[in-house]
Amino acid sequence: MMERRSSEQTKATILRVARERFAAQGYERTTIRAVAAEAEIDPSMVMRYFGSKEQLFDAALAVDLRLPDLAAVPAEDLPAALVRHFVERWEGDPADDALLVLLRSAVTNERAAARMREAFATQVAPALAAAVGPDRAARAAGLVAAQLLGLALTRYLLRLPAVTSLTPEAVVEGLGPGVGAVLGVG
């Protein structure tokens, strides 16, 4: 007999499976039926919780970068703190891979690309504004995003050996100076 799940457990399972599917197969090839089958539920349950494939995709792409209060970080430590935060974020909880799903999907899906832009505009730019001032925040956020998303692409998606072989601290040491140059600190 199959164990009953609470509605929150069911929703969390659907979301986990959907993120895995979207990450592995992209938006176009991921189907509600496949998500439901892997979650061991009827496809109508996916629709009940999320309404449509598009809404499921949106939910799977919800990203909270969980940035620390960057205003509290001394200027000289800011570059390393930013790089360390993102490395820890990507290598932390494998069940919370929405950021990598978003990155993978953003390359081929305009909706995902818009979500990625939104995440950096609404989370990174304001956090940087508190640390480097509002005049430099938008430009800095864009260039920092280029560096950190490049890291994510090469380390976690393409898995380039020269990058995957580095310890997290070596990544921080290697990328920190470039981030510092963009921020005008460190």
Protein backbone atom coordinates (compact mmCIF):
# COMPACT_ATOMS: atom_id res chain seq x y z
CA MET A 1 0.00 0.00 0.00
CA MET A 2 1.34 3.42 -0.97
CA GLU A 3 2.04 5.86 1.85
CA ARG A 4 -0.16 8.96 1.84
CA ARG A 5 1.60 12.27 1.54
CA SER A 6 0.36 15.56 2.87
CA SER A 7 -0.54 18.19 0.30
CA GLU A 8 2.63 20.14 1.18
CA GLN A 9 4.75 17.00 0.71
CA THR A 10 3.06 16.30 -2.61
CA LYS A 11 3.60 19.86 -3.80
CA ALA A 12 7.26 19.76 -2.70
CA THR A 13 7.78 16.44 -4.48
CA ILE A 14 6.23 17.76 -7.69
CA LEU A 15 8.44 20.85 -7.52
CA ARG A 16 11.60 18.80 -6.86
CA VAL A 17 10.86 16.45 -9.75
CA ALA A 18 9.95 19.34 -12.05
CA ARG A 19 13.23 21.13 -11.26
CA GLU A 20 15.17 17.96 -12.01
CA ARG A 21 13.29 17.42 -15.27
CA PHE A 22 13.55 21.04 -16.40
CA ALA A 23 17.27 21.00 -15.56
CA ALA A 24 17.93 17.75 -17.42
CA GLN A 25 15.55 18.12 -20.36
CA GLY A 26 14.67 21.79 -20.63
CA TYR A 27 11.21 23.30 -20.84
CA GLU A 28 10.16 21.93 -24.22
CA ARG A 29 10.89 18.26 -23.51
CA THR A 30 9.59 18.20 -19.94
CA THR A 31 5.99 17.00 -19.77
CA ILE A 32 3.38 17.11 -17.02
CA ARG A 33 2.90 13.34 -17.50
CA ALA A 34 6.61 12.65 -16.95
CA VAL A 35 6.73 14.84 -13.85
CA ALA A 36 3.62 13.15 -12.46
CA ALA A 37 4.93 9.65 -13.21
CA GLU A 38 8.20 10.31 -11.41
CA ALA A 39 6.36 11.92 -8.49
CA GLU A 40 4.08 8.85 -8.41
CA ILE A 41 0.87 10.84 -8.74
CA ASP A 42 -1.80 11.39 -11.34
CA PRO A 43 -1.08 14.21 -13.84
CA SER A 44 -4.26 15.94 -12.69
CA MET A 45 -2.58 16.51 -9.31
CA VAL A 46 0.20 18.50 -10.97
CA MET A 47 -2.44 20.63 -12.63
CA ARG A 48 -4.32 20.98 -9.35
CA TYR A 49 -1.29 22.37 -7.56
CA PHE A 50 0.28 24.40 -10.36
CA GLY A 51 -2.43 25.01 -12.98
CA SER A 52 -0.31 24.56 -16.11
CA LYS A 53 3.13 23.57 -17.31
CA GLU A 54 3.98 27.27 -17.58
CA GLN A 55 2.99 27.91 -13.95
CA LEU A 56 4.93 24.82 -12.83
CA PHE A 57 7.96 26.18 -14.69
CA ASP A 58 7.53 29.55 -12.98
CA ALA A 59 7.35 27.87 -9.57
CA ALA A 60 10.43 25.78 -10.37
CA LEU A 61 12.30 28.94 -11.30
CA ALA A 62 11.49 30.87 -8.13
CA VAL A 63 14.92 31.83 -6.83
CA ASP A 64 15.87 33.37 -3.54
CA LEU A 65 19.58 34.12 -3.68
CA ARG A 66 19.61 34.54 0.13
CA LEU A 67 22.20 37.28 -0.10
CA PRO A 68 23.70 38.42 3.18
CA ASP A 69 23.57 42.07 4.24
CA LEU A 70 26.44 43.29 2.08
CA ALA A 71 26.45 46.70 3.79
CA ALA A 72 27.73 44.92 6.89
CA VAL A 73 30.70 43.42 5.00
CA PRO A 74 33.94 45.46 5.06
CA ALA A 75 34.70 46.75 1.54
CA GLU A 76 37.95 44.77 1.25
CA ASP A 77 36.10 41.53 2.11
CA LEU A 78 33.16 42.14 -0.22
CA PRO A 79 34.53 40.38 -3.36
CA ALA A 80 35.41 37.18 -1.50
CA ALA A 81 32.13 37.28 0.43
CA LEU A 82 30.12 37.49 -2.80
CA VAL A 83 31.99 34.69 -4.57
CA ARG A 84 31.91 32.50 -1.44
CA HIS A 85 28.17 33.08 -1.03
CA PHE A 86 27.41 31.95 -4.57
CA VAL A 87 29.72 28.92 -4.40
CA GLU A 88 28.10 27.88 -1.12
CA ARG A 89 24.67 28.53 -2.59
CA TRP A 90 25.35 26.30 -5.61
CA GLU A 91 27.15 23.60 -3.66
CA GLY A 92 24.92 23.74 -0.61
CA ASP A 93 21.52 22.09 -0.77
CA PRO A 94 21.19 19.87 -3.86
CA ALA A 95 17.41 19.83 -3.40
CA ASP A 96 17.39 23.60 -3.91
CA ASP A 97 18.81 23.74 -7.39
CA ALA A 98 16.42 26.36 -8.74
CA LEU A 99 19.29 28.70 -9.57
CA LEU A 100 21.01 26.10 -11.76
CA VAL A 101 17.69 25.13 -13.37
CA LEU A 102 17.15 28.79 -14.10
CA LEU A 103 20.63 29.19 -15.58
CA ARG A 104 20.32 26.13 -17.78
CA SER A 105 16.85 27.13 -18.95
CA ALA A 106 17.66 30.81 -19.48
CA VAL A 107 19.87 30.00 -22.44
CA THR A 108 16.97 28.63 -24.51
CA ASN A 109 13.83 29.96 -22.85
CA GLU A 110 12.95 33.67 -22.81
CA ARG A 111 10.71 33.26 -19.76
CA ALA A 112 13.62 31.78 -17.79
CA ALA A 113 15.97 34.48 -19.09
CA ALA A 114 13.52 37.12 -17.85
CA ARG A 115 13.42 35.41 -14.44
CA MET A 116 17.22 35.41 -14.28
CA ARG A 117 17.34 39.12 -15.14
CA GLU A 118 14.66 39.77 -12.53
CA ALA A 119 16.54 37.84 -9.82
CA PHE A 120 19.71 39.83 -10.37
CA ALA A 121 17.90 43.15 -10.73
CA THR A 122 15.73 42.72 -7.65
CA GLN A 123 18.20 40.90 -5.39
CA VAL A 124 21.82 41.51 -6.39
CA ALA A 125 21.59 45.16 -7.47
CA PRO A 126 19.86 46.31 -4.24
CA ALA A 127 22.29 44.30 -2.09
CA LEU A 128 25.22 45.86 -3.91
CA ALA A 129 23.64 49.32 -3.69
CA ALA A 130 23.80 49.00 0.08
CA ALA A 131 27.50 48.16 -0.15
CA VAL A 132 28.88 50.24 -3.05
CA GLY A 133 26.21 52.91 -3.44
CA PRO A 134 23.26 53.22 -5.80
CA ASP A 135 25.24 55.01 -8.53
CA ARG A 136 27.52 52.01 -9.10
CA ALA A 137 25.12 49.19 -8.17
CA ALA A 138 23.42 48.45 -11.52
CA ARG A 139 26.66 48.37 -13.50
CA ALA A 140 28.42 46.39 -10.78
CA ALA A 141 25.55 43.91 -10.52
CA GLY A 142 25.69 43.28 -14.26
CA LEU A 143 29.42 42.68 -14.34
CA VAL A 144 29.41 40.61 -11.14
CA ALA A 145 26.56 38.55 -12.63
CA ALA A 146 28.68 37.95 -15.75
CA GLN A 147 31.52 36.61 -13.62
CA LEU A 148 29.40 34.52 -11.27
CA LEU A 149 27.13 33.12 -13.97
CA GLY A 150 30.24 32.28 -15.99
CA LEU A 151 31.50 30.39 -12.95
CA ALA A 152 28.19 28.54 -12.64
CA LEU A 153 28.19 27.66 -16.31
CA THR A 154 31.76 26.30 -16.33
CA ARG A 155 31.73 24.61 -12.91
CA TYR A 156 28.22 23.21 -12.58
CA LEU A 157 26.77 22.87 -16.08
CA LEU A 158 29.68 22.33 -18.49
CA ARG A 159 31.81 20.84 -15.71
CA LEU A 160 35.13 21.96 -17.15
CA PRO A 161 37.82 19.94 -15.33
CA ALA A 162 40.06 22.98 -14.76
CA VAL A 163 37.20 24.62 -12.86
CA THR A 164 35.58 21.60 -11.18
CA SER A 165 38.93 20.47 -9.79
CA LEU A 166 39.27 23.68 -7.75
CA THR A 167 38.30 23.71 -4.11
CA PRO A 168 35.62 26.26 -3.20
CA GLU A 169 38.30 28.36 -1.48
CA ALA A 170 40.48 28.27 -4.63
CA VAL A 171 37.48 29.54 -6.61
CA VAL A 172 37.05 32.39 -4.13
CA GLU A 173 40.77 33.23 -4.29
CA GLY A 174 40.81 33.08 -8.09
CA LEU A 175 37.62 34.99 -8.82
CA GLY A 176 37.66 37.42 -5.88
CA PRO A 177 40.18 39.86 -7.41
CA GLY A 178 38.14 40.16 -10.62
CA VAL A 179 34.96 40.82 -8.66
CA GLY A 180 36.92 43.31 -6.56
CA ALA A 181 38.05 45.13 -9.70
CA VAL A 182 34.45 45.42 -10.89
CA LEU A 183 33.34 46.70 -7.48
CA GLY A 184 36.32 49.03 -7.16
CA VAL A 185 37.33 47.45 -3.85
CA GLY A 186 39.57 44.71 -2.46
